[in-house]
């Protein structure tokens, strides 16, 4: 991809409405555009990051035995009345009447809809277990949207639901999802902790929260400095039960939550099955959510410096940015195009900065965008035919001959 043909709009200064580093950098790097308070458009660079995160989630969810579907964002309020959550979530739910006077809500979550769907199809214990998930926009009427994608009115979420015939099955699926979440957040490059949590309006007996450690997080947790054990925050001083060390109070941002729901929704929405003795019983459910768009904020909060974003490799919008510092010099620009085309054929996602701009501007934009590697072809290239390959995290800096494209690919992908 050529920079001049890609819809990138970087800003030198942070917009006034941005409060935390991730919000400032998302706007400055042209990842998102604010349509109105709490509502954002994803620009091409931001969408590439979002899609990379979705792909990681899909890979791990599928590996854990879940199947993807897509549920409607429009939900009949009748289902919410059956579960009793129409009143519990009335403050944040966006509702309206259509021309047929049907009362409809924009889905803030999908427990009612998925339970109603499964109730229509699953009738026997032989059809269980079932694990279904989706990645979709959710809608909540946030009173005070802030921090960009951290707290907004429309956001992307992955929600999964397990349906089992007994508690043994629920616990097995819960463990599978729990471990999948650990792999997802690790692959996204997030430093996270896990705490046992309050199930709140979701219901159920057991739940765990996955939290990214960041100074701008709105939650507080206790974390052991030695073994990284985390516990929910309280007013009392906490001692780690493993290490006997004083636990530190730190800020964190919720990025995922898993729940053992039991029969809360299957009871109220009539999701029943016949067991092997012919007795009708309620399906036992689990629920597993990830704030997909919020992951972008969490990653940037943990991976940035004073110059810009530092993307972890797996979710970066590009693998490498190629910087020919003089696009009017045929040898330099020709070599840059050769590198771009050669790496692209090897499956490397390249961004070639073909702009006729000063070197300082190109370096600044490259740092701001945070792409893991940059390949620089400057004046030295005219004499040596060597390019400089440097990682954004400053851990790798080497000079390589343009002809050694296999070595370049190896460094970019390891």
Protein backbone atom coordinates (compact mmCIF):
# COMPACT_ATOMS: atom_id res chain seq x y z
CA UNK A 1 0.00 0.00 0.00
CA UNK A 2 1.24 3.47 -0.91
CA UNK A 3 0.88 6.18 1.73
CA UNK A 4 -0.46 8.67 -0.82
CA UNK A 5 -3.29 6.30 -1.78
CA UNK A 6 -4.21 5.26 1.76
CA UNK A 7 -6.67 7.43 3.70
CA UNK A 8 -4.32 8.61 6.48
CA UNK A 9 -4.78 11.95 8.21
CA UNK A 10 -2.36 12.60 11.05
CA UNK A 11 -2.47 15.55 13.44
CA UNK A 12 0.48 17.36 15.03
CA UNK A 13 -1.50 18.37 18.12
CA UNK A 14 -3.96 16.49 20.33
CA UNK A 15 -7.61 17.60 20.05
CA UNK A 16 -8.88 19.37 23.16
CA UNK A 17 -11.58 16.78 23.88
CA UNK A 18 -9.00 13.98 24.29
CA UNK A 19 -8.12 13.29 27.94
CA UNK A 20 -5.99 10.14 28.05
CA UNK A 21 -3.03 8.98 25.89
CA UNK A 22 -4.95 6.38 23.90
CA UNK A 23 -7.71 8.84 22.98
CA UNK A 24 -5.18 11.49 21.97
CA UNK A 25 -3.12 9.09 19.88
CA UNK A 26 -6.10 7.46 18.17
CA UNK A 27 -7.23 10.87 16.96
CA UNK A 28 -3.73 12.10 16.07
CA UNK A 29 -2.86 8.90 14.17
CA UNK A 30 -6.15 8.97 12.27
CA UNK A 31 -7.50 5.69 13.64
CA UNK A 32 -10.94 7.08 14.46
CA UNK A 33 -13.03 10.18 13.89
CA UNK A 34 -15.52 11.48 16.44
CA UNK A 35 -19.00 11.81 14.94
CA UNK A 36 -20.50 13.05 18.22
CA UNK A 37 -19.78 12.52 21.90
CA UNK A 38 -19.42 8.78 22.51
CA UNK A 39 -19.78 7.82 18.84
CA UNK A 40 -16.81 7.18 16.53
CA UNK A 41 -16.16 6.35 12.89
CA UNK A 42 -13.33 3.90 12.28
CA UNK A 43 -10.93 5.18 9.62
CA UNK A 44 -8.97 2.69 7.46
CA UNK A 45 -5.95 2.51 9.79
CA UNK A 46 -8.14 1.97 12.86
CA UNK A 47 -10.30 -0.56 11.05
CA UNK A 48 -7.24 -2.64 10.13
CA UNK A 49 -6.33 -2.81 13.83
CA UNK A 50 -9.91 -3.68 14.79
CA UNK A 51 -10.07 -6.45 12.18
CA UNK A 52 -6.75 -7.90 13.36
CA UNK A 53 -8.13 -8.09 16.90
CA UNK A 54 -11.31 -9.74 15.61
CA UNK A 55 -9.25 -12.32 13.72
CA UNK A 56 -7.32 -13.25 16.87
CA UNK A 57 -10.60 -13.60 18.77
CA UNK A 58 -12.13 -15.76 16.02
CA UNK A 59 -9.12 -18.05 15.91
CA UNK A 60 -9.13 -18.63 19.67
CA UNK A 61 -12.92 -18.91 19.99
CA UNK A 62 -13.12 -21.42 17.17
CA UNK A 63 -10.25 -23.40 18.70
CA UNK A 64 -12.22 -23.49 21.99
CA UNK A 65 -15.19 -25.08 20.20
CA UNK A 66 -17.42 -22.03 19.74
CA UNK A 67 -19.37 -21.31 16.54
CA UNK A 68 -19.90 -17.82 15.16
CA UNK A 69 -23.27 -16.33 14.32
CA UNK A 70 -24.65 -12.81 14.04
CA UNK A 71 -27.67 -11.66 16.03
CA UNK A 72 -29.88 -8.68 15.31
CA UNK A 73 -29.03 -5.37 16.96
CA UNK A 74 -32.79 -4.62 17.08
CA UNK A 75 -34.45 -6.45 19.98
CA UNK A 76 -38.13 -6.69 20.94
CA UNK A 77 -38.58 -5.29 24.43
CA UNK A 78 -40.96 -8.18 25.15
CA UNK A 79 -37.92 -10.44 25.63
CA UNK A 80 -36.43 -8.00 28.14
CA UNK A 81 -39.68 -7.89 30.08
CA UNK A 82 -39.59 -11.68 30.36
CA UNK A 83 -36.13 -11.59 31.92
CA UNK A 84 -37.00 -8.58 34.07
CA UNK A 85 -34.03 -6.60 32.81
CA UNK A 86 -36.13 -4.01 30.99
CA UNK A 87 -36.26 -2.08 34.28
CA UNK A 88 -32.78 -3.01 35.52
CA UNK A 89 -31.11 -1.61 32.39
CA UNK A 90 -33.60 1.13 31.55
CA UNK A 91 -31.07 3.89 32.29
CA UNK A 92 -28.63 2.78 29.59
CA UNK A 93 -30.86 1.08 27.02
CA UNK A 94 -31.79 2.98 23.87
CA UNK A 95 -35.44 2.22 23.05
CA UNK A 96 -38.05 3.43 20.57
CA UNK A 97 -41.36 2.51 18.93
CA UNK A 98 -41.52 1.72 15.23
CA UNK A 99 -44.44 2.62 12.94
CA UNK A 100 -46.25 -0.54 13.97
CA UNK A 101 -46.00 0.62 17.61
CA UNK A 102 -43.66 -2.23 18.47
CA UNK A 103 -41.36 -1.40 21.39
CA UNK A 104 -37.79 -2.08 20.31
CA UNK A 105 -34.38 -1.70 21.92
CA UNK A 106 -30.92 -1.36 20.42
CA UNK A 107 -29.01 -4.24 21.94
CA UNK A 108 -26.68 -3.33 24.81
CA UNK A 109 -26.11 -7.09 25.21
CA UNK A 110 -27.70 -10.28 23.84
CA UNK A 111 -28.52 -12.77 26.61
CA UNK A 112 -32.26 -12.55 25.98
CA UNK A 113 -32.00 -12.88 22.19
CA UNK A 114 -29.57 -15.82 22.19
CA UNK A 115 -31.59 -17.67 24.84
CA UNK A 116 -34.80 -17.19 22.87
CA UNK A 117 -33.05 -18.45 19.72
CA UNK A 118 -31.63 -21.57 21.36
CA UNK A 119 -34.99 -22.30 23.00
CA UNK A 120 -36.50 -22.61 19.52
CA UNK A 121 -34.01 -25.22 18.32
CA UNK A 122 -32.57 -27.18 21.25
CA UNK A 123 -35.05 -29.69 22.68
CA UNK A 124 -32.93 -32.68 23.76
CA UNK A 125 -29.84 -33.34 25.86
CA UNK A 126 -28.38 -34.94 22.70
CA UNK A 127 -28.08 -31.46 21.15
CA UNK A 128 -25.99 -30.15 24.06
CA UNK A 129 -23.49 -28.67 24.66
CA UNK A 130 -23.64 -25.70 22.29
CA UNK A 131 -21.32 -22.65 22.36
CA UNK A 132 -22.19 -19.70 20.13
CA UNK A 133 -20.51 -16.31 19.75
CA UNK A 134 -20.75 -13.12 17.77
CA UNK A 135 -18.76 -9.93 17.18
CA UNK A 136 -21.10 -7.00 16.88
CA UNK A 137 -21.81 -3.38 17.71
CA UNK A 138 -23.59 -2.72 21.03
CA UNK A 139 -25.45 0.40 22.05
CA UNK A 140 -25.71 2.06 25.46
CA UNK A 141 -27.01 5.48 26.43
CA UNK A 142 -23.93 6.54 28.39
CA UNK A 143 -24.60 9.60 30.52
CA UNK A 144 -20.96 10.72 30.40
CA UNK A 145 -19.11 9.14 27.47
CA UNK A 146 -15.38 9.75 27.80
CA UNK A 147 -11.90 8.50 27.03
CA UNK A 148 -12.61 7.72 23.38
CA UNK A 149 -13.38 4.03 22.88
CA UNK A 150 -13.18 3.29 26.62
CA UNK A 151 -16.65 4.50 27.49
CA UNK A 152 -18.86 5.23 24.51
CA UNK A 153 -22.42 4.86 23.25
CA UNK A 154 -21.64 2.49 20.39
CA UNK A 155 -18.88 -0.08 20.70
CA UNK A 156 -17.79 -3.43 19.30
CA UNK A 157 -18.10 -6.45 21.57
CA UNK A 158 -17.53 -10.18 21.32
CA UNK A 159 -20.14 -12.05 23.31
CA UNK A 160 -20.26 -15.83 23.59
CA UNK A 161 -22.80 -18.10 25.27
CA UNK A 162 -22.52 -21.71 26.36
CA UNK A 163 -25.51 -24.01 26.77
CA UNK A 164 -25.09 -27.22 28.80
CA UNK A 165 -27.19 -29.98 30.31
CA UNK A 166 -25.48 -29.86 33.73
CA UNK A 167 -23.07 -27.98 35.96
CA UNK A 168 -20.18 -30.24 34.95
CA UNK A 169 -20.60 -29.16 31.33
CA UNK A 170 -20.90 -25.49 32.30
CA UNK A 171 -17.68 -25.61 34.31
CA UNK A 172 -15.83 -27.35 31.46
CA UNK A 173 -16.95 -24.71 28.93
CA UNK A 174 -16.23 -21.93 31.40
CA UNK A 175 -12.67 -23.20 31.76
CA UNK A 176 -12.24 -23.41 27.97
CA UNK A 177 -13.39 -19.81 27.53
CA UNK A 178 -11.30 -18.63 30.48
CA UNK A 179 -8.16 -20.09 28.92
CA UNK A 180 -9.09 -18.76 25.46
CA UNK A 181 -9.37 -15.27 26.93
CA UNK A 182 -5.87 -15.53 28.37
CA UNK A 183 -4.52 -16.47 24.94
CA UNK A 184 -6.47 -13.67 23.21
CA UNK A 185 -5.22 -10.90 25.49
CA UNK A 186 -1.65 -12.25 25.42
CA UNK A 187 -1.66 -12.29 21.61
CA UNK A 188 -2.99 -8.72 21.60
CA UNK A 189 0.04 -7.66 23.64
CA UNK A 190 -1.85 -6.70 26.80
CA UNK A 191 -0.50 -6.88 30.35
CA UNK A 192 -3.59 -8.10 32.21
CA UNK A 193 -4.77 -9.57 35.50
CA UNK A 194 -7.81 -11.67 36.41
CA UNK A 195 -10.04 -11.14 39.44
CA UNK A 196 -13.12 -12.87 40.78
CA UNK A 197 -15.93 -10.38 40.29
CA UNK A 198 -19.49 -9.44 41.14
CA UNK A 199 -21.95 -10.70 38.50
CA UNK A 200 -24.17 -7.59 38.83
CA UNK A 201 -27.18 -7.31 36.51
CA UNK A 202 -25.88 -10.23 34.41
CA UNK A 203 -26.70 -12.66 37.21
CA UNK A 204 -25.12 -16.02 38.02
CA UNK A 205 -23.02 -17.34 40.86
CA UNK A 206 -19.45 -17.12 39.53
CA UNK A 207 -17.73 -14.54 37.34
CA UNK A 208 -14.21 -13.36 36.56
CA UNK A 209 -13.00 -10.05 35.21
CA UNK A 210 -10.02 -9.56 32.89
CA UNK A 211 -8.37 -6.18 33.44
CA UNK A 212 -5.61 -4.33 31.61
CA UNK A 213 -3.27 -2.55 34.00
CA UNK A 214 -3.15 1.13 33.06
CA UNK A 215 -2.95 4.36 35.04
CA UNK A 216 -5.97 5.76 33.18
CA UNK A 217 -8.21 2.80 34.06
CA UNK A 218 -11.43 3.58 35.91
CA UNK A 219 -11.30 0.42 38.05
CA UNK A 220 -8.97 -0.30 40.95
CA UNK A 221 -7.55 -3.70 41.87
CA UNK A 222 -4.97 -5.05 44.30
CA UNK A 223 -2.02 -6.75 42.60
CA UNK A 224 0.82 -8.68 44.19
CA UNK A 225 4.17 -7.24 42.99
CA UNK A 226 5.78 -10.69 43.22
CA UNK A 227 3.34 -13.25 41.71
CA UNK A 228 0.90 -10.87 39.96
CA UNK A 229 -2.12 -12.29 41.80
CA UNK A 230 -5.02 -9.83 41.61
CA UNK A 231 -7.97 -9.25 43.91
CA UNK A 232 -10.97 -6.97 43.70
CA UNK A 233 -10.45 -3.60 45.38
CA UNK A 234 -11.71 -2.96 48.90
CA UNK A 235 -11.04 -0.45 51.64
CA UNK A 236 -8.91 -2.85 53.59
CA UNK A 237 -5.22 -3.40 53.00
CA UNK A 238 -4.60 -6.69 51.21
CA UNK A 239 -1.87 -9.28 51.75
CA UNK A 240 -1.11 -11.77 48.98
CA UNK A 241 -2.20 -15.24 50.17
CA UNK A 242 0.59 -16.84 48.11
CA UNK A 243 3.61 -14.59 48.76
CA UNK A 244 2.53 -12.84 51.98
CA UNK A 245 3.55 -9.57 50.30
CA UNK A 246 1.64 -6.31 50.58
CA UNK A 247 -0.57 -5.99 47.51
CA UNK A 248 -0.51 -2.68 45.64
CA UNK A 249 -3.61 -0.75 44.65
CA UNK A 250 -3.45 -0.05 40.90
CA UNK A 251 -5.74 1.31 38.22
CA UNK A 252 -7.08 -1.05 35.59
CA UNK A 253 -9.41 -1.15 32.61
CA UNK A 254 -11.93 -3.97 32.17
CA UNK A 255 -11.45 -5.72 28.82
CA UNK A 256 -13.31 -8.99 29.39
CA UNK A 257 -15.79 -10.65 31.72
CA UNK A 258 -16.95 -14.28 31.99
CA UNK A 259 -20.01 -15.49 33.91
CA UNK A 260 -21.51 -18.79 35.03
CA UNK A 261 -25.13 -17.75 34.55
CA UNK A 262 -26.85 -20.98 35.52
CA UNK A 263 -30.56 -20.96 34.61
CA UNK A 264 -31.34 -17.26 35.11
CA UNK A 265 -32.25 -16.68 31.46
CA UNK A 266 -33.31 -20.17 30.44
CA UNK A 267 -35.91 -20.21 33.25
CA UNK A 268 -37.45 -16.87 32.28
CA UNK A 269 -37.30 -17.40 28.52
CA UNK A 270 -38.33 -21.03 28.39
CA UNK A 271 -35.10 -22.64 27.18
CA UNK A 272 -35.79 -26.24 28.19
CA UNK A 273 -34.55 -29.66 27.13
CA UNK A 274 -35.47 -33.28 27.81
CA UNK A 275 -32.78 -35.17 29.73
CA UNK A 276 -31.95 -38.83 29.19
CA UNK A 277 -34.79 -39.87 31.50
CA UNK A 278 -37.35 -37.81 29.59
CA UNK A 279 -37.59 -35.09 32.25
CA UNK A 280 -37.78 -31.45 31.15
CA UNK A 281 -35.05 -29.24 32.58
CA UNK A 282 -33.71 -25.73 32.08
CA UNK A 283 -30.56 -25.34 30.01
CA UNK A 284 -27.55 -24.21 32.05
CA UNK A 285 -25.81 -21.18 30.57
CA UNK A 286 -22.52 -19.32 30.63
CA UNK A 287 -21.75 -15.90 29.15
CA UNK A 288 -18.37 -14.58 27.97
CA UNK A 289 -17.77 -10.98 26.83
CA UNK A 290 -14.81 -9.07 25.40
CA UNK A 291 -14.73 -5.34 24.71
CA UNK A 292 -13.21 -5.62 21.23
CA UNK A 293 -12.94 -1.92 20.46
CA UNK A 294 -11.82 -1.22 24.02
CA UNK A 295 -8.81 -3.48 23.41
CA UNK A 296 -7.46 -0.81 21.05
CA UNK A 297 -7.49 1.72 23.89
CA UNK A 298 -5.95 -0.73 26.36
CA UNK A 299 -3.13 -1.66 23.98
CA UNK A 300 -2.25 1.97 23.25
CA UNK A 301 -2.37 2.90 26.94
CA UNK A 302 0.24 0.22 27.62
CA UNK A 303 2.26 0.62 24.41
CA UNK A 304 3.19 4.22 23.59
CA UNK A 305 5.86 6.82 24.17
CA UNK A 306 6.08 10.57 23.73
CA UNK A 307 6.28 10.13 19.94
CA UNK A 308 3.29 7.91 19.36
CA UNK A 309 1.89 4.39 19.38
CA UNK A 310 4.01 1.21 19.59
CA UNK A 311 1.82 -1.56 18.15
CA UNK A 312 2.31 -5.19 19.16
CA UNK A 313 3.03 -7.19 16.01
CA UNK A 314 -0.18 -9.23 15.80
CA UNK A 315 -2.60 -6.31 15.78
CA UNK A 316 -0.53 -3.67 13.97
CA UNK A 317 -2.18 -2.15 10.86
CA UNK A 318 0.98 -2.87 8.84
CA UNK A 319 4.09 -5.00 9.39
CA UNK A 320 6.57 -2.41 8.12
CA UNK A 321 6.64 1.16 6.86
CA UNK A 322 9.16 1.81 4.07
CA UNK A 323 10.70 5.30 4.10
CA UNK A 324 12.52 6.46 0.96
CA UNK A 325 13.85 9.79 2.18
CA UNK A 326 14.17 11.25 -1.32
CA UNK A 327 11.37 10.09 -3.61
CA UNK A 328 12.81 12.20 -6.42
CA UNK A 329 16.00 10.15 -6.53
CA UNK A 330 15.27 7.26 -8.97
CA UNK A 331 17.66 4.77 -7.34
CA UNK A 332 16.19 5.33 -3.86
CA UNK A 333 12.54 5.34 -4.87
CA UNK A 334 13.01 2.47 -7.30
CA UNK A 335 14.61 0.37 -4.56
CA UNK A 336 11.80 1.27 -2.15
CA UNK A 337 9.21 0.06 -4.66
CA UNK A 338 11.23 -3.11 -5.25
CA UNK A 339 11.31 -3.77 -1.50
CA UNK A 340 7.58 -3.06 -1.20
CA UNK A 341 6.67 -5.40 -4.04
CA UNK A 342 9.06 -8.15 -2.94
CA UNK A 343 7.88 -8.19 0.66
CA UNK A 344 4.22 -7.98 -0.37
CA UNK A 345 4.65 -11.13 -2.49
CA UNK A 346 5.99 -12.86 0.64
CA UNK A 347 2.86 -11.94 2.62
CA UNK A 348 4.29 -8.93 4.45
CA UNK A 349 1.84 -6.02 4.81
CA UNK A 350 3.83 -2.96 3.76
CA UNK A 351 3.12 0.76 3.79
CA UNK A 352 5.37 2.69 1.40
CA UNK A 353 5.66 6.38 2.27
CA UNK A 354 5.83 7.76 -1.27
CA UNK A 355 5.17 11.37 -0.21
CA UNK A 356 7.51 14.12 -1.28
CA UNK A 357 8.02 15.28 2.31
CA UNK A 358 11.03 16.13 4.46
CA UNK A 359 12.67 13.26 6.33
CA UNK A 360 11.64 14.69 9.71
CA UNK A 361 7.96 14.64 8.75
CA UNK A 362 8.22 11.05 7.57
CA UNK A 363 9.99 9.92 10.74
CA UNK A 364 7.48 11.72 12.96
CA UNK A 365 4.50 10.18 11.18
CA UNK A 366 6.11 6.73 11.29
CA UNK A 367 6.62 7.05 15.05
CA UNK A 368 3.07 8.32 15.56
CA UNK A 369 1.50 5.47 13.56
CA UNK A 370 3.47 2.93 15.59
CA UNK A 371 4.07 0.30 12.89
CA UNK A 372 6.48 -2.30 14.37
CA UNK A 373 9.30 -1.79 11.82
CA UNK A 374 10.52 0.91 9.52
CA UNK A 375 12.89 0.39 6.60
CA UNK A 376 14.80 3.57 5.76
CA UNK A 377 16.44 4.22 2.41
CA UNK A 378 18.45 7.44 2.73
CA UNK A 379 21.46 9.02 1.04
CA UNK A 380 23.74 6.22 2.27
CA UNK A 381 21.77 3.79 0.15
CA UNK A 382 23.12 5.46 -3.02
CA UNK A 383 26.65 4.31 -2.18
CA UNK A 384 26.17 1.15 -0.14
CA UNK A 385 22.81 -0.34 -1.29
CA UNK A 386 22.14 -0.98 2.40
CA UNK A 387 18.88 -0.02 4.06
CA UNK A 388 18.34 0.56 7.77
CA UNK A 389 15.76 -1.68 9.43
CA UNK A 390 14.67 -0.47 12.87
CA UNK A 391 11.95 -1.66 15.22
CA UNK A 392 9.54 0.85 16.76
CA UNK A 393 10.26 -0.54 20.23
CA UNK A 394 13.99 0.21 19.69
CA UNK A 395 15.06 -3.39 20.33
CA UNK A 396 16.26 -4.08 16.77
CA UNK A 397 18.39 -1.87 14.53
CA UNK A 398 20.38 -3.33 11.66
CA UNK A 399 21.57 -2.61 8.14
CA UNK A 400 20.72 -5.05 5.37
CA UNK A 401 21.30 -5.30 1.66
CA UNK A 402 18.20 -4.87 -0.45
CA UNK A 403 18.91 -8.21 -2.13
CA UNK A 404 18.66 -10.07 1.20
CA UNK A 405 14.86 -9.99 1.23
CA UNK A 406 14.58 -13.40 2.92
CA UNK A 407 16.56 -12.08 5.91
CA UNK A 408 14.38 -8.96 6.00
CA UNK A 409 11.23 -11.10 6.06
CA UNK A 410 12.69 -13.27 8.83
CA UNK A 411 13.29 -10.24 11.07
CA UNK A 412 9.82 -8.82 10.36
CA UNK A 413 8.00 -12.05 11.18
CA UNK A 414 9.89 -13.63 14.06
